């Protein structure tokens, strides 16, 4: 996903825009919904949602992927629907969506839990070879991670797997489990200053 798009998500969260999920679509609401209705203009979110939804609430917008990529095939679509069902069951606050540039992503919140004290807004961008073992990029949108936090890439995404353990059978549930562990260790680092 384009880094500017990730920053746009962060900005909207900082502005305090409420997040709503409608028909499998993540929307950032305007602060005053009546202003949009009275002006007759469409928000970016509503303009982006004009393509017809696919079955079971997963929206796939027109895009180019190249051969053998996620969502391109019938089996890729079946996987997307299965992943959406898993998210709905295990992480009901997460949704699977496709960005304007065609990048599939999941978005939602983790915490607070018995292990994690904070509440973290998470954005997971799925690469074209997702489902073939390619590891998604995970960003913590809010609250901002402390500068110098360990185990992050230059773009700020979380470093979750050095060993190549994420494979074609791994799912977003696998990844969210790893993200939860990362956040637990991050909070420990905040308290002690000891990196993991």
N, C-alpha and C. Protein backbone atom coordinates (compact mmCIF):
# COMPACT_ATOMS: atom_id res chain seq x y z
N UNK A 1 0.85 -1.17 0.00
CA UNK A 1 0.00 0.00 0.00
C UNK A 1 0.89 1.23 0.00
N UNK A 2 0.49 2.22 -0.73
CA UNK A 2 1.24 3.46 -0.85
C UNK A 2 1.45 4.09 0.53
N UNK A 3 2.70 4.48 0.89
CA UNK A 3 2.95 5.09 2.19
C UNK A 3 2.09 6.33 2.44
N UNK A 4 1.77 7.07 1.39
CA UNK A 4 0.91 8.25 1.56
C UNK A 4 -0.49 7.83 1.99
N UNK A 5 -0.94 6.67 1.51
CA UNK A 5 -2.26 6.17 1.89
C UNK A 5 -2.25 5.77 3.37
N UNK A 6 -1.16 5.14 3.82
CA UNK A 6 -1.03 4.79 5.24
C UNK A 6 -1.07 6.06 6.08
N UNK A 7 -0.35 7.09 5.64
CA UNK A 7 -0.34 8.36 6.38
C UNK A 7 -1.73 9.00 6.38
N UNK A 8 -2.49 8.82 5.30
CA UNK A 8 -3.85 9.34 5.26
C UNK A 8 -4.72 8.68 6.33
N UNK A 9 -4.57 7.36 6.50
CA UNK A 9 -5.29 6.66 7.57
C UNK A 9 -4.91 7.24 8.93
N UNK A 10 -3.60 7.44 9.16
CA UNK A 10 -3.14 8.00 10.43
C UNK A 10 -3.74 9.39 10.67
N UNK A 11 -3.72 10.22 9.63
CA UNK A 11 -4.23 11.59 9.76
C UNK A 11 -5.71 11.58 10.14
N UNK A 12 -6.48 10.73 9.50
CA UNK A 12 -7.91 10.68 9.78
C UNK A 12 -8.17 10.21 11.21
N UNK A 13 -7.35 9.29 11.70
CA UNK A 13 -7.50 8.85 13.08
C UNK A 13 -7.13 9.98 14.05
N UNK A 14 -6.03 10.71 13.74
CA UNK A 14 -5.62 11.84 14.59
C UNK A 14 -6.69 12.92 14.64
N UNK A 15 -7.40 13.10 13.53
CA UNK A 15 -8.46 14.10 13.47
C UNK A 15 -9.68 13.68 14.29
N UNK A 16 -9.65 12.45 14.78
CA UNK A 16 -10.76 11.98 15.60
C UNK A 16 -11.97 11.55 14.81
N UNK A 17 -11.78 11.24 13.54
CA UNK A 17 -12.91 10.80 12.74
C UNK A 17 -13.38 9.42 13.21
N UNK A 18 -14.66 9.28 13.47
CA UNK A 18 -15.14 7.95 13.85
C UNK A 18 -15.04 6.98 12.68
N UNK A 19 -14.76 5.73 13.00
CA UNK A 19 -14.64 4.68 11.99
C UNK A 19 -15.92 3.86 12.02
N UNK A 20 -16.51 3.65 10.89
CA UNK A 20 -17.71 2.83 10.78
C UNK A 20 -17.46 1.76 9.73
N UNK A 21 -18.11 0.60 9.91
CA UNK A 21 -18.02 -0.46 8.90
C UNK A 21 -19.42 -0.69 8.37
N UNK A 22 -19.58 -0.52 7.07
CA UNK A 22 -20.87 -0.74 6.42
C UNK A 22 -20.65 -1.64 5.21
N UNK A 23 -21.37 -2.74 5.17
CA UNK A 23 -21.29 -3.66 4.03
C UNK A 23 -19.85 -4.07 3.73
N UNK A 24 -19.07 -4.32 4.78
CA UNK A 24 -17.69 -4.75 4.59
C UNK A 24 -16.74 -3.65 4.18
N UNK A 25 -17.17 -2.39 4.21
CA UNK A 25 -16.34 -1.26 3.81
C UNK A 25 -15.99 -0.44 5.05
N UNK A 26 -14.73 -0.04 5.17
CA UNK A 26 -14.30 0.82 6.26
C UNK A 26 -14.46 2.26 5.82
N UNK A 27 -15.16 3.05 6.60
CA UNK A 27 -15.41 4.46 6.29
C UNK A 27 -14.93 5.32 7.43
N UNK A 28 -14.30 6.43 7.10
CA UNK A 28 -14.02 7.46 8.08
C UNK A 28 -15.13 8.49 7.92
N UNK A 29 -15.93 8.65 8.96
CA UNK A 29 -17.05 9.57 8.90
C UNK A 29 -16.56 11.01 9.01
N UNK A 30 -17.28 11.90 8.38
CA UNK A 30 -17.02 13.32 8.55
C UNK A 30 -17.43 13.70 9.97
N UNK A 31 -16.85 14.76 10.49
CA UNK A 31 -17.21 15.20 11.84
C UNK A 31 -18.68 15.62 11.90
N UNK A 32 -19.16 16.25 10.84
CA UNK A 32 -20.56 16.68 10.79
C UNK A 32 -21.22 16.03 9.58
N UNK A 33 -21.83 14.84 9.75
CA UNK A 33 -22.42 14.15 8.61
C UNK A 33 -23.45 14.99 7.87
N UNK A 34 -24.14 15.91 8.56
CA UNK A 34 -25.18 16.72 7.90
C UNK A 34 -24.58 17.64 6.84
N UNK A 35 -23.31 18.07 7.02
CA UNK A 35 -22.68 18.95 6.04
C UNK A 35 -22.53 18.27 4.69
N UNK A 36 -22.19 16.98 4.70
CA UNK A 36 -22.04 16.26 3.45
C UNK A 36 -23.39 16.12 2.75
N UNK A 37 -24.44 15.83 3.55
CA UNK A 37 -25.76 15.65 2.95
C UNK A 37 -26.28 16.95 2.36
N UNK A 38 -26.10 18.05 3.09
CA UNK A 38 -26.66 19.31 2.61
C UNK A 38 -25.89 19.87 1.42
N UNK A 39 -24.57 19.61 1.34
CA UNK A 39 -23.80 20.16 0.24
C UNK A 39 -23.97 19.37 -1.05
N UNK A 40 -24.42 18.12 -0.92
CA UNK A 40 -24.62 17.29 -2.10
C UNK A 40 -23.33 16.73 -2.66
N UNK A 41 -22.19 16.91 -1.97
CA UNK A 41 -20.93 16.38 -2.46
C UNK A 41 -20.66 15.03 -1.82
N UNK A 42 -19.91 14.22 -2.53
CA UNK A 42 -19.54 12.90 -2.03
C UNK A 42 -18.21 12.96 -1.34
N UNK A 43 -18.09 12.20 -0.23
CA UNK A 43 -16.78 12.10 0.41
C UNK A 43 -15.91 11.16 -0.41
N UNK A 44 -14.60 11.18 -0.14
CA UNK A 44 -13.67 10.28 -0.83
C UNK A 44 -14.09 8.85 -0.59
N UNK A 45 -14.49 8.54 0.68
CA UNK A 45 -14.86 7.17 1.02
C UNK A 45 -16.08 6.72 0.21
N UNK A 46 -17.10 7.59 0.10
CA UNK A 46 -18.30 7.15 -0.63
C UNK A 46 -18.03 7.07 -2.12
N UNK A 47 -17.18 7.96 -2.65
CA UNK A 47 -16.85 7.90 -4.07
C UNK A 47 -16.08 6.64 -4.40
N UNK A 48 -15.27 6.16 -3.46
CA UNK A 48 -14.46 4.97 -3.70
C UNK A 48 -15.28 3.70 -3.61
N UNK A 49 -16.49 3.78 -3.09
CA UNK A 49 -17.30 2.59 -2.84
C UNK A 49 -18.39 2.38 -3.87
N UNK A 50 -18.23 2.90 -5.06
CA UNK A 50 -19.29 2.82 -6.04
C UNK A 50 -19.29 1.52 -6.82
N UNK A 51 -18.24 0.72 -6.74
CA UNK A 51 -18.26 -0.55 -7.46
C UNK A 51 -19.16 -1.52 -6.71
N UNK A 52 -19.82 -2.43 -7.43
CA UNK A 52 -20.76 -3.33 -6.78
C UNK A 52 -20.04 -4.33 -5.89
N UNK A 53 -20.63 -4.64 -4.72
CA UNK A 53 -19.97 -5.58 -3.82
C UNK A 53 -20.01 -7.00 -4.36
N UNK A 54 -18.96 -7.76 -4.07
CA UNK A 54 -18.93 -9.17 -4.39
C UNK A 54 -19.71 -9.92 -3.31
N UNK A 55 -19.81 -11.23 -3.44
CA UNK A 55 -20.59 -12.00 -2.48
C UNK A 55 -19.98 -11.90 -1.08
N UNK A 56 -20.83 -12.04 -0.07
CA UNK A 56 -20.48 -12.05 1.35
C UNK A 56 -19.72 -10.80 1.79
N UNK A 57 -19.97 -9.67 1.15
CA UNK A 57 -19.45 -8.41 1.64
C UNK A 57 -18.02 -8.08 1.30
N UNK A 58 -17.30 -8.92 0.57
CA UNK A 58 -15.93 -8.59 0.18
C UNK A 58 -16.00 -7.83 -1.14
N UNK A 59 -15.44 -6.64 -1.17
CA UNK A 59 -15.49 -5.81 -2.36
C UNK A 59 -14.17 -5.90 -3.09
N UNK A 60 -14.21 -6.25 -4.35
CA UNK A 60 -13.01 -6.32 -5.18
C UNK A 60 -13.16 -5.31 -6.30
N UNK A 61 -12.33 -4.28 -6.28
CA UNK A 61 -12.40 -3.24 -7.29
C UNK A 61 -11.52 -3.60 -8.48
N UNK A 62 -11.77 -3.05 -9.65
CA UNK A 62 -10.95 -3.37 -10.83
C UNK A 62 -9.49 -2.99 -10.59
N UNK A 63 -8.61 -3.89 -10.91
CA UNK A 63 -7.18 -3.62 -10.74
C UNK A 63 -6.37 -4.64 -11.53
N UNK A 64 -5.10 -4.35 -11.76
CA UNK A 64 -4.19 -5.23 -12.47
C UNK A 64 -3.27 -5.90 -11.46
N UNK A 65 -3.12 -7.21 -11.55
CA UNK A 65 -2.26 -7.90 -10.61
C UNK A 65 -1.12 -8.66 -11.27
N UNK A 66 -1.26 -9.11 -12.48
CA UNK A 66 -0.25 -10.00 -13.04
C UNK A 66 -0.62 -11.44 -12.71
N UNK A 67 0.07 -12.38 -13.31
CA UNK A 67 -0.35 -13.77 -13.21
C UNK A 67 -0.16 -14.34 -11.81
N UNK A 68 -1.10 -15.18 -11.42
CA UNK A 68 -1.01 -15.93 -10.18
C UNK A 68 -1.10 -15.12 -8.91
N UNK A 69 -1.67 -13.91 -8.94
CA UNK A 69 -1.70 -13.05 -7.77
C UNK A 69 -3.00 -13.21 -6.99
N UNK A 70 -2.96 -12.72 -5.75
CA UNK A 70 -4.11 -12.78 -4.85
C UNK A 70 -5.32 -12.10 -5.50
N UNK A 71 -6.49 -12.68 -5.36
CA UNK A 71 -7.76 -12.20 -5.89
C UNK A 71 -7.93 -12.41 -7.39
N UNK A 72 -6.87 -12.76 -8.11
CA UNK A 72 -7.00 -12.86 -9.56
C UNK A 72 -7.77 -14.10 -9.99
N UNK A 73 -7.61 -15.17 -9.22
CA UNK A 73 -8.20 -16.44 -9.60
C UNK A 73 -9.42 -16.76 -8.74
N UNK A 74 -10.14 -17.76 -9.16
CA UNK A 74 -11.29 -18.22 -8.39
C UNK A 74 -10.85 -18.71 -7.01
N UNK A 75 -9.71 -19.41 -6.97
CA UNK A 75 -9.21 -19.89 -5.67
C UNK A 75 -8.78 -18.72 -4.79
N UNK A 76 -8.23 -17.65 -5.40
CA UNK A 76 -7.87 -16.46 -4.64
C UNK A 76 -9.09 -15.79 -4.04
N UNK A 77 -10.17 -15.72 -4.80
CA UNK A 77 -11.41 -15.15 -4.28
C UNK A 77 -11.98 -16.03 -3.17
N UNK A 78 -11.91 -17.34 -3.36
CA UNK A 78 -12.39 -18.25 -2.32
C UNK A 78 -11.60 -18.05 -1.03
N UNK A 79 -10.28 -17.85 -1.19
CA UNK A 79 -9.45 -17.61 0.00
C UNK A 79 -9.86 -16.29 0.68
N UNK A 80 -10.10 -15.25 -0.11
CA UNK A 80 -10.51 -13.96 0.45
C UNK A 80 -11.80 -14.10 1.26
N UNK A 81 -12.74 -14.85 0.73
CA UNK A 81 -14.01 -15.06 1.44
C UNK A 81 -13.79 -15.86 2.73
N UNK A 82 -12.91 -16.87 2.66
CA UNK A 82 -12.61 -17.67 3.85
C UNK A 82 -11.91 -16.81 4.90
N UNK A 83 -10.97 -15.98 4.46
CA UNK A 83 -10.25 -15.10 5.40
C UNK A 83 -11.23 -14.12 6.05
N UNK A 84 -12.17 -13.58 5.27
CA UNK A 84 -13.15 -12.65 5.82
C UNK A 84 -13.99 -13.36 6.88
N UNK A 85 -14.38 -14.59 6.63
CA UNK A 85 -15.17 -15.35 7.62
C UNK A 85 -14.36 -15.60 8.89
N UNK A 86 -13.06 -15.93 8.74
CA UNK A 86 -12.20 -16.13 9.91
C UNK A 86 -12.07 -14.85 10.73
N UNK A 87 -11.86 -13.73 10.03
CA UNK A 87 -11.75 -12.45 10.74
C UNK A 87 -13.04 -12.14 11.48
N UNK A 88 -14.17 -12.35 10.84
CA UNK A 88 -15.45 -12.06 11.46
C UNK A 88 -15.64 -12.88 12.73
N UNK A 89 -15.20 -14.14 12.69
CA UNK A 89 -15.36 -15.02 13.85
C UNK A 89 -14.36 -14.70 14.96
N UNK A 90 -13.08 -14.54 14.63
CA UNK A 90 -12.03 -14.42 15.64
C UNK A 90 -11.68 -12.98 16.00
N UNK A 91 -11.78 -12.08 15.04
CA UNK A 91 -11.45 -10.66 15.25
C UNK A 91 -12.57 -9.83 14.63
N UNK A 92 -13.74 -9.77 15.27
CA UNK A 92 -14.88 -9.10 14.65
C UNK A 92 -14.67 -7.62 14.36
N UNK A 93 -13.67 -7.00 14.98
CA UNK A 93 -13.38 -5.60 14.71
C UNK A 93 -12.56 -5.39 13.46
N UNK A 94 -12.16 -6.47 12.78
CA UNK A 94 -11.33 -6.37 11.57
C UNK A 94 -12.17 -6.65 10.33
N UNK A 95 -11.84 -5.96 9.26
CA UNK A 95 -12.49 -6.15 7.98
C UNK A 95 -11.44 -6.30 6.90
N UNK A 96 -11.75 -7.06 5.87
CA UNK A 96 -10.91 -7.19 4.68
C UNK A 96 -11.49 -6.30 3.60
N UNK A 97 -10.64 -5.50 2.97
CA UNK A 97 -11.08 -4.49 2.01
C UNK A 97 -10.05 -4.38 0.90
N UNK A 98 -10.38 -3.67 -0.16
CA UNK A 98 -9.43 -3.40 -1.24
C UNK A 98 -9.32 -1.89 -1.41
N UNK A 99 -8.09 -1.38 -1.38
CA UNK A 99 -7.85 0.05 -1.49
C UNK A 99 -8.06 0.53 -2.92
N UNK A 100 -8.10 1.85 -3.09
CA UNK A 100 -8.31 2.43 -4.42
C UNK A 100 -7.26 1.99 -5.42
N UNK A 101 -6.02 1.74 -4.95
CA UNK A 101 -4.96 1.31 -5.87
C UNK A 101 -4.96 -0.20 -6.10
N UNK A 102 -5.97 -0.91 -5.55
CA UNK A 102 -6.07 -2.35 -5.75
C UNK A 102 -5.40 -3.18 -4.68
N UNK A 103 -4.79 -2.55 -3.67
CA UNK A 103 -4.12 -3.30 -2.61
C UNK A 103 -5.14 -3.83 -1.61
N UNK A 104 -5.23 -5.15 -1.44
CA UNK A 104 -6.12 -5.66 -0.40
C UNK A 104 -5.51 -5.37 0.97
N UNK A 105 -6.35 -5.04 1.94
CA UNK A 105 -5.87 -4.77 3.28
C UNK A 105 -6.91 -5.18 4.31
N UNK A 106 -6.43 -5.38 5.53
CA UNK A 106 -7.31 -5.60 6.67
C UNK A 106 -7.07 -4.46 7.64
N UNK A 107 -8.12 -4.05 8.32
CA UNK A 107 -8.05 -2.91 9.21
C UNK A 107 -8.89 -3.21 10.45
N UNK A 108 -8.36 -2.85 11.61
CA UNK A 108 -9.13 -3.03 12.83
C UNK A 108 -8.32 -2.67 14.06
N UNK A 109 -8.82 -3.07 15.22
CA UNK A 109 -8.18 -2.73 16.49
C UNK A 109 -7.80 -3.98 17.25
N UNK A 110 -6.67 -3.90 17.93
CA UNK A 110 -6.24 -4.93 18.88
C UNK A 110 -6.11 -4.29 20.24
N UNK A 111 -6.58 -4.98 21.27
CA UNK A 111 -6.46 -4.52 22.64
C UNK A 111 -7.57 -3.55 23.01
N UNK A 112 -7.67 -3.24 24.28
CA UNK A 112 -6.90 -3.86 25.36
C UNK A 112 -7.38 -5.28 25.63
N UNK A 113 -6.44 -6.11 26.08
CA UNK A 113 -6.74 -7.49 26.45
C UNK A 113 -6.08 -7.76 27.80
N UNK A 114 -6.14 -9.00 28.23
CA UNK A 114 -5.46 -9.37 29.47
C UNK A 114 -3.95 -9.20 29.34
N UNK A 115 -3.42 -9.31 28.10
CA UNK A 115 -1.98 -9.19 27.89
C UNK A 115 -1.55 -7.80 27.44
N UNK A 116 -2.38 -7.12 26.65
CA UNK A 116 -2.02 -5.83 26.07
C UNK A 116 -2.87 -4.74 26.72
N UNK A 117 -2.20 -3.73 27.27
CA UNK A 117 -2.93 -2.66 27.95
C UNK A 117 -3.55 -1.65 26.98
N UNK A 118 -2.84 -1.35 25.90
CA UNK A 118 -3.29 -0.30 24.99
C UNK A 118 -4.30 -0.78 23.98
N UNK A 119 -4.85 0.18 23.25
CA UNK A 119 -5.72 -0.12 22.11
C UNK A 119 -4.99 0.39 20.88
N UNK A 120 -4.76 -0.50 19.90
CA UNK A 120 -3.94 -0.19 18.74
C UNK A 120 -4.77 -0.34 17.46
N UNK A 121 -4.74 0.69 16.62
CA UNK A 121 -5.36 0.63 15.30
C UNK A 121 -4.32 0.03 14.35
N UNK A 122 -4.68 -1.08 13.71
CA UNK A 122 -3.76 -1.84 12.88
C UNK A 122 -4.22 -1.83 11.43
N UNK A 123 -3.27 -1.64 10.52
CA UNK A 123 -3.52 -1.72 9.08
C UNK A 123 -2.58 -2.78 8.51
N UNK A 124 -3.14 -3.77 7.82
CA UNK A 124 -2.35 -4.85 7.22
C UNK A 124 -2.54 -4.80 5.71
N UNK A 125 -1.46 -4.50 4.99
CA UNK A 125 -1.51 -4.46 3.52
C UNK A 125 -1.04 -5.80 2.97
N UNK A 126 -1.88 -6.45 2.18
CA UNK A 126 -1.56 -7.77 1.64
C UNK A 126 -0.87 -7.61 0.29
N UNK A 127 0.30 -8.22 0.12
CA UNK A 127 1.02 -8.10 -1.15
C UNK A 127 0.37 -8.95 -2.24
N UNK A 128 0.71 -8.69 -3.50
CA UNK A 128 0.11 -9.47 -4.59
C UNK A 128 0.31 -10.98 -4.45
N UNK A 129 1.42 -11.41 -3.85
CA UNK A 129 1.67 -12.85 -3.70
C UNK A 129 1.18 -13.40 -2.36
N UNK A 130 0.26 -12.68 -1.72
CA UNK A 130 -0.35 -13.21 -0.50
C UNK A 130 -1.08 -14.50 -0.86
N UNK A 131 -0.99 -15.47 0.00
CA UNK A 131 -1.56 -16.78 -0.29
C UNK A 131 -0.53 -17.71 -0.90
N UNK A 132 0.63 -17.15 -1.28
CA UNK A 132 1.74 -17.94 -1.79
C UNK A 132 2.94 -17.82 -0.86
N UNK A 133 2.70 -17.28 0.34
CA UNK A 133 3.76 -17.18 1.33
C UNK A 133 4.34 -15.79 1.54
N UNK A 134 3.89 -14.80 0.75
CA UNK A 134 4.40 -13.43 0.92
C UNK A 134 3.81 -12.82 2.18
N UNK A 135 4.69 -12.24 3.00
CA UNK A 135 4.29 -11.67 4.29
C UNK A 135 3.67 -10.29 4.09
N UNK A 136 2.48 -10.05 4.65
CA UNK A 136 1.87 -8.72 4.57
C UNK A 136 2.67 -7.68 5.37
N UNK A 137 2.47 -6.42 5.02
CA UNK A 137 3.07 -5.31 5.77
C UNK A 137 2.08 -4.86 6.83
N UNK A 138 2.54 -4.77 8.07
CA UNK A 138 1.67 -4.41 9.19
C UNK A 138 2.10 -3.06 9.74
N UNK A 139 1.15 -2.13 9.82
CA UNK A 139 1.40 -0.79 10.35
C UNK A 139 0.53 -0.56 11.58
N UNK A 140 1.11 0.01 12.62
CA UNK A 140 0.33 0.49 13.76
C UNK A 140 0.04 1.95 13.46
N UNK A 141 -1.24 2.27 13.24
CA UNK A 141 -1.63 3.62 12.87
C UNK A 141 -1.73 4.53 14.08
N UNK A 142 -2.36 4.06 15.12
CA UNK A 142 -2.55 4.83 16.35
C UNK A 142 -2.53 3.86 17.52
N UNK A 143 -2.01 4.23 18.64
CA UNK A 143 -1.24 5.45 18.88
C UNK A 143 0.12 5.35 18.18
N UNK A 144 0.77 6.48 17.94
CA UNK A 144 2.07 6.42 17.28
C UNK A 144 3.05 5.60 18.11
N UNK A 145 3.82 4.75 17.46
CA UNK A 145 4.85 3.99 18.17
C UNK A 145 5.98 4.93 18.55
N UNK A 146 6.59 4.66 19.69
CA UNK A 146 7.68 5.51 20.15
C UNK A 146 8.86 5.42 19.20
N UNK A 147 9.49 6.55 18.93
CA UNK A 147 10.68 6.59 18.07
C UNK A 147 11.73 5.63 18.62
N UNK A 148 12.38 4.91 17.73
CA UNK A 148 13.42 3.97 18.14
C UNK A 148 12.89 2.61 18.56
N UNK A 149 11.57 2.39 18.42
CA UNK A 149 11.03 1.08 18.77
C UNK A 149 11.70 0.00 17.92
N UNK A 150 12.11 -1.10 18.54
CA UNK A 150 12.82 -2.14 17.79
C UNK A 150 11.90 -2.92 16.84
N UNK A 151 12.54 -3.68 15.98
CA UNK A 151 11.87 -4.62 15.08
C UNK A 151 10.84 -3.94 14.18
N UNK A 152 11.31 -2.88 13.49
CA UNK A 152 10.48 -2.22 12.48
C UNK A 152 11.33 -1.97 11.25
N UNK A 153 10.66 -1.95 10.10
CA UNK A 153 11.33 -1.63 8.85
C UNK A 153 11.42 -0.12 8.69
N UNK A 154 12.15 0.33 7.67
CA UNK A 154 12.32 1.77 7.45
C UNK A 154 11.00 2.50 7.23
N UNK A 155 10.02 1.82 6.64
CA UNK A 155 8.73 2.46 6.40
C UNK A 155 7.84 2.47 7.64
N UNK A 156 8.36 1.94 8.76
CA UNK A 156 7.60 1.93 10.01
C UNK A 156 6.80 0.67 10.24
N UNK A 157 6.70 -0.21 9.22
CA UNK A 157 5.94 -1.45 9.40
C UNK A 157 6.68 -2.39 10.35
N UNK A 158 5.94 -3.31 10.94
CA UNK A 158 6.49 -4.20 11.95
C UNK A 158 7.27 -5.34 11.32
N UNK A 159 8.41 -5.67 11.90
CA UNK A 159 9.19 -6.83 11.49
C UNK A 159 8.71 -8.00 12.33
N UNK A 160 8.05 -8.95 11.70
CA UNK A 160 7.39 -10.03 12.43
C UNK A 160 7.98 -11.41 12.19
N UNK A 161 8.67 -11.62 11.08
CA UNK A 161 9.11 -12.97 10.73
C UNK A 161 10.46 -12.94 10.02
N UNK A 162 11.51 -13.38 10.73
CA UNK A 162 12.84 -13.48 10.12
C UNK A 162 13.07 -14.86 9.52
N UNK A 163 12.29 -15.83 9.95
CA UNK A 163 12.60 -17.22 9.65
C UNK A 163 11.91 -17.76 8.41
N UNK A 164 10.99 -17.00 7.84
CA UNK A 164 10.22 -17.53 6.70
C UNK A 164 9.12 -18.47 7.14
N UNK A 165 8.68 -18.35 8.39
CA UNK A 165 7.62 -19.23 8.89
C UNK A 165 6.26 -18.92 8.27
N UNK A 166 6.06 -17.69 7.84
CA UNK A 166 4.79 -17.34 7.19
C UNK A 166 4.79 -17.97 5.81
N UNK A 167 3.84 -18.86 5.56
CA UNK A 167 3.81 -19.59 4.29
C UNK A 167 2.42 -19.56 3.67
N UNK A 168 2.23 -20.31 2.61
CA UNK A 168 0.96 -20.25 1.88
C UNK A 168 -0.24 -20.71 2.71
N UNK A 169 0.00 -21.48 3.77
CA UNK A 169 -1.11 -21.91 4.63
C UNK A 169 -1.38 -20.92 5.76
N UNK A 170 -0.48 -19.98 5.96
CA UNK A 170 -0.68 -18.98 7.02
C UNK A 170 -1.81 -18.04 6.63
N UNK A 171 -2.54 -17.58 7.64
CA UNK A 171 -3.69 -16.71 7.40
C UNK A 171 -3.50 -15.39 8.15
N UNK A 172 -4.47 -14.52 8.01
CA UNK A 172 -4.46 -13.28 8.77
C UNK A 172 -4.56 -13.55 10.27
N UNK A 173 -5.16 -14.67 10.65
CA UNK A 173 -5.19 -15.03 12.07
C UNK A 173 -3.79 -15.33 12.58
N UNK A 174 -2.99 -16.02 11.77
CA UNK A 174 -1.59 -16.26 12.11
C UNK A 174 -0.89 -14.92 12.33
N UNK A 175 -1.06 -14.03 11.37
CA UNK A 175 -0.39 -12.74 11.41
C UNK A 175 -0.84 -11.91 12.61
N UNK A 176 -2.14 -11.88 12.88
CA UNK A 176 -2.64 -11.09 14.02
C UNK A 176 -2.15 -11.66 15.35
N UNK A 177 -1.94 -12.97 15.41
CA UNK A 177 -1.31 -13.56 16.60
C UNK A 177 0.09 -13.03 16.79
N UNK A 178 0.85 -12.94 15.70
CA UNK A 178 2.22 -12.41 15.77
C UNK A 178 2.22 -10.93 16.14
N UNK A 179 1.26 -10.19 15.58
CA UNK A 179 1.16 -8.76 15.91
C UNK A 179 0.87 -8.58 17.40
N UNK A 180 0.00 -9.43 17.94
CA UNK A 180 -0.32 -9.36 19.37
C UNK A 180 0.94 -9.59 20.21
N UNK A 181 1.74 -10.58 19.84
CA UNK A 181 2.99 -10.84 20.56
C UNK A 181 3.93 -9.65 20.42
N UNK A 182 4.04 -9.07 19.22
CA UNK A 182 4.90 -7.90 19.01
C UNK A 182 4.47 -6.77 19.94
N UNK A 183 3.15 -6.52 20.02
CA UNK A 183 2.65 -5.43 20.87
C UNK A 183 2.92 -5.70 22.34
N UNK A 184 2.79 -6.94 22.76
CA UNK A 184 3.10 -7.31 24.14
C UNK A 184 4.56 -7.02 24.45
N UNK A 185 5.46 -7.40 23.55
CA UNK A 185 6.89 -7.15 23.75
C UNK A 185 7.20 -5.65 23.65
N UNK A 186 6.50 -4.95 22.79
CA UNK A 186 6.67 -3.50 22.66
C UNK A 186 6.31 -2.80 23.97
N UNK A 187 5.18 -3.19 24.57
CA UNK A 187 4.80 -2.57 25.84
C UNK A 187 5.80 -2.89 26.94
N UNK A 188 6.38 -4.09 26.90
CA UNK A 188 7.44 -4.43 27.84
C UNK A 188 8.66 -3.55 27.62
N UNK A 189 8.99 -3.28 26.37
CA UNK A 189 10.13 -2.40 26.06
C UNK A 189 9.87 -0.99 26.55
N UNK A 190 8.62 -0.51 26.42
CA UNK A 190 8.29 0.82 26.92
C UNK A 190 8.52 0.93 28.43
N UNK A 191 8.21 -0.15 29.16
CA UNK A 191 8.37 -0.15 30.62
C UNK A 191 9.82 -0.30 31.06
N UNK A 192 10.56 -1.17 30.38
CA UNK A 192 11.87 -1.55 30.88
C UNK A 192 13.02 -0.99 30.05
N UNK A 193 12.75 -0.63 28.80
CA UNK A 193 13.82 -0.20 27.91
C UNK A 193 14.65 -1.34 27.36
N UNK A 194 14.26 -2.56 27.65
CA UNK A 194 14.99 -3.75 27.18
C UNK A 194 14.33 -4.25 25.90
N UNK A 195 15.11 -4.23 24.81
CA UNK A 195 14.59 -4.70 23.52
C UNK A 195 14.52 -6.22 23.49
N UNK A 196 13.63 -6.75 22.70
CA UNK A 196 13.51 -8.20 22.58
C UNK A 196 14.24 -8.68 21.37
